[in-house]
Amino acid sequence: QVQLVESGGGLVQPGGSLRLSCAASGSIFSIRTMGWYRQSPGKQRELVAVITSGGIANYAASVKGRFTISRDNAKNTAYLQMNSLKPEDTADYYCNVVGLSFSSWGQGTQVTVSS
């Protein structure tokens, strides 16, 4: 079993910044990708950003240039730095970790962008 603990969500004004963290623990073998997804009411869960073990990152077009994903392999932790936040970024953000034989989801952390 792999456990994921997310943190860093909250309420922020438009134009503000937040940093999300996702720490993985448990039976972790060869984590491949770590990523962030988000889901807002009435919408499907969508990919925000994903990063490989080698540090190659991919982003949704809607966040490219504003969000930065990074990871600390020694700590099995992924981060999502979110800058220039917009109201449309409001959603529940979920961490996803994929390994050789597993795919795990975090419990979600809420991000609200509002004045």
Protein backbone atom coordinates (compact mmCIF):
# COMPACT_ATOMS: atom_id res chain seq x y z
CA GLN A 1 0.00 0.00 0.00
CA VAL A 2 1.10 3.52 -0.82
CA GLN A 3 -0.13 6.43 1.21
CA LEU A 4 -0.18 9.98 -0.07
CA VAL A 5 -0.49 13.03 2.14
CA GLU A 6 -1.32 16.29 0.45
CA SER A 7 -1.05 19.74 1.93
CA GLY A 8 -0.96 23.38 0.96
CA GLY A 9 -4.45 24.12 -0.29
CA GLY A 10 -6.50 27.08 0.84
CA LEU A 11 -8.11 30.34 -0.09
CA VAL A 12 -6.16 32.87 -2.11
CA GLN A 13 -6.99 36.03 -4.00
CA PRO A 14 -6.69 36.19 -7.79
CA GLY A 15 -3.09 36.74 -8.75
CA GLY A 16 -1.85 35.05 -5.62
CA SER A 17 0.26 31.94 -5.12
CA LEU A 18 0.00 28.61 -3.36
CA ARG A 19 2.32 25.64 -3.07
CA LEU A 20 0.93 22.13 -2.84
CA SER A 21 2.90 19.20 -1.47
CA CYS A 22 2.36 15.46 -1.85
CA ALA A 23 4.38 13.09 0.29
CA ALA A 24 4.34 9.37 -0.55
CA SER A 25 5.06 6.64 1.96
CA GLY A 26 4.55 2.92 2.39
CA SER A 27 5.40 0.19 -0.07
CA ILE A 28 7.08 2.38 -2.62
CA PHE A 29 9.16 0.76 -5.29
CA SER A 30 10.40 2.63 -8.31
CA ILE A 31 8.02 5.55 -8.42
CA ARG A 32 7.78 6.59 -12.04
CA THR A 33 5.53 9.59 -12.34
CA MET A 34 4.08 11.99 -9.82
CA GLY A 35 1.31 14.27 -10.91
CA TRP A 36 -1.42 16.64 -9.95
CA TYR A 37 -4.99 16.53 -11.18
CA ARG A 38 -7.90 18.75 -10.35
CA GLN A 39 -11.66 18.50 -10.34
CA SER A 40 -14.24 21.21 -9.95
CA PRO A 41 -17.99 20.67 -9.42
CA GLY A 42 -19.72 19.29 -12.48
CA LYS A 43 -16.49 18.71 -14.35
CA GLN A 44 -14.31 15.71 -14.99
CA ARG A 45 -10.98 15.31 -13.25
CA GLU A 46 -8.25 16.76 -15.45
CA LEU A 47 -4.50 16.57 -15.55
CA VAL A 48 -2.72 19.66 -14.28
CA ALA A 49 0.92 18.60 -14.38
CA VAL A 50 3.02 15.45 -14.24
CA ILE A 51 6.71 14.85 -13.72
CA THR A 52 8.80 11.76 -14.41
CA SER A 53 11.50 10.34 -12.19
CA GLY A 54 14.02 11.98 -14.51
CA GLY A 55 12.47 15.39 -14.03
CA ILE A 56 10.62 15.75 -17.32
CA ALA A 57 7.45 17.75 -16.75
CA ASN A 58 4.30 18.22 -18.76
CA TYR A 59 1.55 20.72 -18.12
CA ALA A 60 -2.00 21.37 -19.11
CA ALA A 61 -2.18 24.28 -21.52
CA SER A 62 -4.31 26.23 -19.06
CA VAL A 63 -1.57 26.30 -16.42
CA LYS A 64 1.60 26.38 -18.50
CA GLY A 65 3.74 29.32 -17.53
CA ARG A 66 1.95 29.78 -14.21
CA PHE A 67 2.38 26.43 -12.44
CA THR A 68 5.60 24.53 -11.81
CA ILE A 69 5.79 20.91 -10.76
CA SER A 70 8.87 19.54 -9.05
CA ARG A 71 9.85 16.51 -7.02
CA ASP A 72 12.32 15.42 -4.42
CA ASN A 73 13.04 11.77 -5.16
CA ALA A 74 14.87 11.26 -1.87
CA LYS A 75 11.78 12.36 0.02
CA ASN A 76 9.25 10.82 -2.40
CA THR A 77 7.56 14.20 -2.43
CA ALA A 78 6.08 16.20 -5.27
CA TYR A 79 5.32 19.89 -5.25
CA LEU A 80 3.09 22.13 -7.31
CA GLN A 81 3.95 25.81 -7.21
CA MET A 82 0.96 27.77 -8.43
CA ASN A 83 1.43 31.42 -9.34
CA SER A 84 -0.87 34.02 -10.90
CA LEU A 85 -3.86 32.05 -9.74
CA LYS A 86 -7.19 32.66 -11.42
CA PRO A 87 -10.75 31.99 -10.23
CA GLU A 88 -10.97 29.20 -12.79
CA ASP A 89 -8.17 27.39 -10.96
CA THR A 90 -10.60 26.78 -8.12
CA ALA A 91 -10.93 23.03 -7.65
CA ASP A 92 -10.03 20.05 -5.53
CA TYR A 93 -6.46 19.08 -6.36
CA TYR A 94 -5.40 15.45 -6.21
CA CYS A 95 -1.95 13.95 -6.18
CA ASN A 96 -1.34 10.80 -8.23
CA VAL A 97 1.69 8.57 -7.98
CA VAL A 98 2.40 5.79 -10.47
CA GLY A 99 4.96 3.06 -9.99
CA LEU A 100 5.83 -0.28 -11.55
CA SER A 101 2.85 -2.01 -10.00
CA PHE A 102 0.67 0.64 -8.46
CA SER A 103 -1.20 3.86 -8.99
CA SER A 104 -2.32 5.76 -5.92
CA TRP A 105 -4.40 8.87 -5.32
CA GLY A 106 -4.33 11.33 -2.49
CA GLN A 107 -7.40 12.46 -0.62
CA GLY A 108 -7.45 15.85 -2.30
CA THR A 109 -6.82 19.38 -1.13
CA GLN A 110 -9.10 22.27 -1.88
CA VAL A 111 -7.90 25.38 -3.67
CA THR A 112 -10.21 28.38 -3.83
CA VAL A 113 -9.27 31.49 -5.78
CA SER A 114 -11.60 34.32 -4.90
CA SER A 115 -11.57 37.95 -3.90
